[in-house]
Amino acid sequence: MIGDIRNHIAGWFASFCVAVMVVFIIKTFIGMPTTVKGTSMAATLFPDDKLFLSTWSSNFGKIPDRGDIITFEAPSVENPENSGNVAVYIGNSRSFKDKFLYYSLGISKSSYIKRVIGLPGDHVEIKDGGVYVNGQKLYEDYLKSNVKTDMSMGGNFGDVVVPENCVYVLGDNRAASVDSRKFGCIPVSKIEGKVVARWWPSKKIGAL
């Protein structure tokens, strides 16, 4: 009887380990689904939109392209001081369980979704209602014509040089997005994936 129970537990544990490994491999080398929760990417993405993320390049440290929509771990601090233009992350308070779920499966994790604007070495300026990269106004055809980009929500990062292995990100809903203007540039190591497609709602299915 005891042997049967032990065999049952061992079988369950082995199945659990295999399932975790399969999910980890898929998440690392292929991608994963995600759901939009806020309005910071309107009018491109809306709450409850279902997306598919490509995670291969992000898990191997590839720099995304300007204009890519990415998801990344939410920074711990808004308006950090003396951060060298880099977003601040404080992760020592997580329990072992949270760290396991966080790093292996992406569970127990707070994430943001934004658009890549500045690449390593770029000089990004927010001025005159627009975004300037290396002195040239950025043409943003994904925004509505009346959208202005300014620092009205506050923040210390309206004129920065993007550090190495980091990107500067903004939400398409510039008037209601907490983004690199407030928390600084995102380390590439904190990027979870690149949005490649929307699969729900059905009338909006397609590549992004």
Protein backbone atom coordinates (compact mmCIF):
# COMPACT_ATOMS: atom_id res chain seq x y z
CA MET A 1 0.00 0.00 0.00
CA ILE A 2 2.75 2.44 1.02
CA GLY A 3 4.74 1.41 -2.05
CA ASP A 4 1.78 2.18 -4.29
CA ILE A 5 1.43 5.62 -2.73
CA ARG A 6 5.14 6.30 -3.20
CA ASN A 7 4.96 5.17 -6.83
CA HIS A 8 1.93 7.39 -7.38
CA ILE A 9 3.70 10.40 -5.87
CA ALA A 10 6.86 9.69 -7.85
CA GLY A 11 4.84 9.40 -11.07
CA TRP A 12 3.02 12.64 -10.38
CA PHE A 13 6.27 14.44 -9.58
CA ALA A 14 7.93 13.14 -12.74
CA SER A 15 4.95 14.29 -14.83
CA PHE A 16 5.09 17.70 -13.19
CA CYS A 17 8.81 18.05 -13.93
CA VAL A 18 8.32 17.05 -17.56
CA ALA A 19 5.46 19.54 -17.92
CA VAL A 20 7.56 22.34 -16.44
CA MET A 21 10.46 21.47 -18.74
CA VAL A 22 8.21 21.45 -21.83
CA VAL A 23 6.74 24.85 -20.91
CA PHE A 24 10.22 26.23 -20.23
CA ILE A 25 11.54 25.02 -23.60
CA ILE A 26 8.55 26.43 -25.49
CA LYS A 27 8.78 29.74 -23.63
CA THR A 28 12.52 30.02 -24.27
CA PHE A 29 12.81 28.92 -27.88
CA ILE A 30 9.40 29.64 -29.44
CA GLY A 31 7.05 32.03 -27.65
CA MET A 32 4.03 32.42 -25.43
CA PRO A 33 0.61 34.09 -25.37
CA THR A 34 -0.18 37.20 -23.38
CA THR A 35 -3.16 39.47 -22.77
CA VAL A 36 -3.19 43.27 -22.81
CA LYS A 37 -4.35 44.67 -19.46
CA GLY A 38 -4.10 48.44 -19.78
CA THR A 39 -4.65 51.27 -22.26
CA SER A 40 -1.08 52.54 -22.63
CA MET A 41 -0.84 51.16 -26.20
CA ALA A 42 -4.20 52.49 -27.47
CA ALA A 43 -5.13 53.00 -30.25
CA THR A 44 -2.89 50.13 -31.41
CA LEU A 45 -3.74 47.63 -28.68
CA PHE A 46 -6.65 47.53 -26.24
CA PRO A 47 -7.48 45.76 -22.96
CA ASP A 48 -8.20 42.04 -23.42
CA ASP A 49 -6.46 41.85 -26.80
CA LYS A 50 -4.79 38.43 -27.02
CA LEU A 51 -1.25 38.49 -28.41
CA PHE A 52 1.50 36.04 -29.25
CA LEU A 53 5.06 36.86 -28.20
CA SER A 54 8.20 35.62 -29.90
CA THR A 55 10.66 34.98 -27.07
CA TRP A 56 13.65 33.43 -28.85
CA SER A 57 15.52 36.66 -29.61
CA SER A 58 14.84 38.24 -26.22
CA ASN A 59 16.02 35.16 -24.32
CA PHE A 60 19.31 35.33 -26.19
CA GLY A 61 19.90 39.04 -25.72
CA LYS A 62 19.10 40.30 -29.23
CA ILE A 63 18.46 44.04 -29.46
CA PRO A 64 14.93 44.65 -30.83
CA ASP A 65 14.34 46.95 -33.80
CA ARG A 66 12.98 50.46 -33.50
CA GLY A 67 9.19 50.28 -33.77
CA ASP A 68 8.91 46.77 -32.32
CA ILE A 69 6.29 46.25 -29.62
CA ILE A 70 7.78 44.39 -26.67
CA THR A 71 6.83 43.21 -23.21
CA PHE A 72 9.25 43.51 -20.31
CA GLU A 73 9.45 43.19 -16.56
CA ALA A 74 7.92 46.26 -14.91
CA PRO A 75 10.55 48.48 -13.25
CA SER A 76 10.44 48.78 -9.48
CA VAL A 77 10.80 52.56 -9.24
CA GLU A 78 9.35 55.56 -11.09
CA ASN A 79 11.50 58.67 -11.46
CA PRO A 80 14.68 57.07 -10.11
CA GLU A 81 17.61 59.37 -9.34
CA ASN A 82 21.24 58.73 -10.27
CA SER A 83 20.29 55.63 -12.26
CA GLY A 84 22.40 56.44 -15.31
CA ASN A 85 19.20 56.61 -17.42
CA VAL A 86 18.51 52.90 -16.70
CA ALA A 87 15.31 51.62 -15.09
CA VAL A 88 15.68 50.33 -11.54
CA TYR A 89 14.79 46.77 -10.58
CA ILE A 90 14.66 45.49 -7.00
CA GLY A 91 14.16 41.73 -6.89
CA ASN A 92 15.67 40.56 -3.64
CA SER A 93 12.31 40.56 -1.82
CA ARG A 94 10.88 37.68 -3.91
CA SER A 95 10.49 34.32 -2.19
CA PHE A 96 12.12 31.18 -3.65
CA LYS A 97 8.73 30.09 -4.99
CA ASP A 98 8.12 33.44 -6.67
CA LYS A 99 11.61 33.44 -8.20
CA PHE A 100 11.08 29.92 -9.57
CA LEU A 101 7.72 30.79 -11.12
CA TYR A 102 9.03 34.14 -12.32
CA TYR A 103 12.19 33.05 -14.09
CA SER A 104 11.14 29.60 -15.34
CA LEU A 105 7.50 30.17 -16.36
CA GLY A 106 6.95 33.92 -16.28
CA ILE A 107 4.30 33.57 -13.58
CA SER A 108 3.94 35.89 -10.58
CA LYS A 109 5.31 38.70 -12.68
CA SER A 110 4.27 42.27 -13.42
CA SER A 111 4.94 43.27 -17.02
CA TYR A 112 4.55 46.29 -19.30
CA ILE A 113 3.95 46.44 -23.04
CA LYS A 114 5.45 49.37 -24.99
CA ARG A 115 7.02 50.30 -28.32
CA VAL A 116 10.78 50.53 -28.86
CA ILE A 117 11.79 54.09 -29.73
CA GLY A 118 15.49 54.40 -28.94
CA LEU A 119 18.32 51.90 -29.43
CA PRO A 120 21.70 51.76 -27.66
CA GLY A 121 23.65 54.95 -28.30
CA ASP A 122 20.65 56.92 -29.59
CA HIS A 123 20.04 60.44 -28.31
CA VAL A 124 16.29 60.61 -27.58
CA GLU A 125 14.60 63.96 -26.94
CA ILE A 126 10.97 64.69 -26.16
CA LYS A 127 10.27 68.21 -27.40
CA ASP A 128 7.88 70.31 -29.45
CA GLY A 129 5.15 67.68 -29.11
CA GLY A 130 7.22 64.96 -30.79
CA VAL A 131 10.09 62.52 -30.41
CA TYR A 132 13.53 63.31 -31.81
CA VAL A 133 16.16 60.62 -32.29
CA ASN A 134 19.71 61.79 -32.97
CA GLY A 135 18.37 65.23 -33.85
CA GLN A 136 15.77 64.04 -36.36
CA LYS A 137 12.03 64.02 -35.64
CA LEU A 138 10.80 60.43 -35.57
CA TYR A 139 8.08 59.64 -38.10
CA GLU A 140 5.47 57.62 -36.19
CA ASP A 141 2.77 56.47 -38.61
CA TYR A 142 1.32 54.14 -35.96
CA LEU A 143 0.06 57.14 -33.96
CA LYS A 144 -3.08 59.12 -34.62
CA SER A 145 -2.38 62.46 -36.27
CA ASN A 146 -3.38 64.51 -33.21
CA VAL A 147 -1.18 62.66 -30.71
CA LYS A 148 1.47 64.79 -29.02
CA THR A 149 4.41 63.47 -27.04
CA ASP A 150 5.42 65.59 -24.06
CA MET A 151 6.46 65.39 -20.42
CA SER A 152 3.10 66.44 -18.95
CA MET A 153 2.97 63.27 -16.82
CA GLY A 154 6.32 64.12 -15.30
CA GLY A 155 9.56 62.20 -15.42
CA ASN A 156 13.29 62.76 -15.57
CA PHE A 157 14.05 61.14 -18.89
CA GLY A 158 12.93 63.46 -21.66
CA ASP A 159 16.46 64.01 -22.98
CA VAL A 160 18.69 60.95 -22.71
CA VAL A 161 21.37 58.95 -24.46
CA VAL A 162 20.31 55.30 -24.40
CA PRO A 163 22.93 53.21 -22.54
CA GLU A 164 24.52 50.08 -23.98
CA ASN A 165 22.26 46.99 -23.99
CA CYS A 166 19.18 49.10 -23.24
CA VAL A 167 16.21 50.47 -25.17
CA TYR A 168 13.99 53.53 -24.73
CA VAL A 169 10.28 52.67 -24.87
CA LEU A 170 7.02 54.62 -25.13
CA GLY A 171 3.38 53.66 -25.13
CA ASP A 172 1.35 54.68 -28.18
CA ASN A 173 -1.16 56.34 -25.84
CA ARG A 174 1.33 59.08 -25.02
CA ALA A 175 -0.99 61.03 -22.71
CA ALA A 176 -1.62 58.03 -20.43
CA SER A 177 1.47 55.84 -20.58
CA VAL A 178 4.02 55.30 -17.83
CA ASP A 179 7.13 54.55 -19.86
CA SER A 180 10.80 55.45 -20.31
CA ARG A 181 9.96 59.11 -19.74
CA LYS A 182 9.33 58.19 -16.09
CA PHE A 183 11.40 55.09 -15.35
CA GLY A 184 14.30 55.28 -17.79
CA CYS A 185 15.67 52.86 -20.36
CA ILE A 186 14.94 49.14 -20.19
CA PRO A 187 17.83 46.65 -20.05
CA VAL A 188 17.59 44.12 -22.87
CA SER A 189 17.87 41.38 -20.23
CA LYS A 190 14.45 42.45 -18.86
CA ILE A 191 12.67 42.06 -22.20
CA GLU A 192 10.30 39.07 -22.24
CA GLY A 193 9.34 38.98 -25.88
CA LYS A 194 8.41 40.77 -29.09
CA VAL A 195 4.75 40.98 -30.08
CA VAL A 196 4.37 39.28 -33.46
CA ALA A 197 0.62 38.73 -33.81
CA ARG A 198 -2.81 39.41 -32.34
CA TRP A 199 -5.11 36.38 -32.25
CA TRP A 200 -8.12 37.90 -30.49
CA PRO A 201 -10.56 39.55 -31.05
CA SER A 202 -11.24 37.65 -34.25
CA LYS A 203 -11.89 40.77 -36.34
CA LYS A 204 -8.39 42.04 -35.52
CA ILE A 205 -6.41 38.82 -36.10
CA GLY A 206 -3.14 39.51 -37.82
CA ALA A 207 0.57 40.23 -37.60
CA LEU A 208 1.82 43.25 -35.68
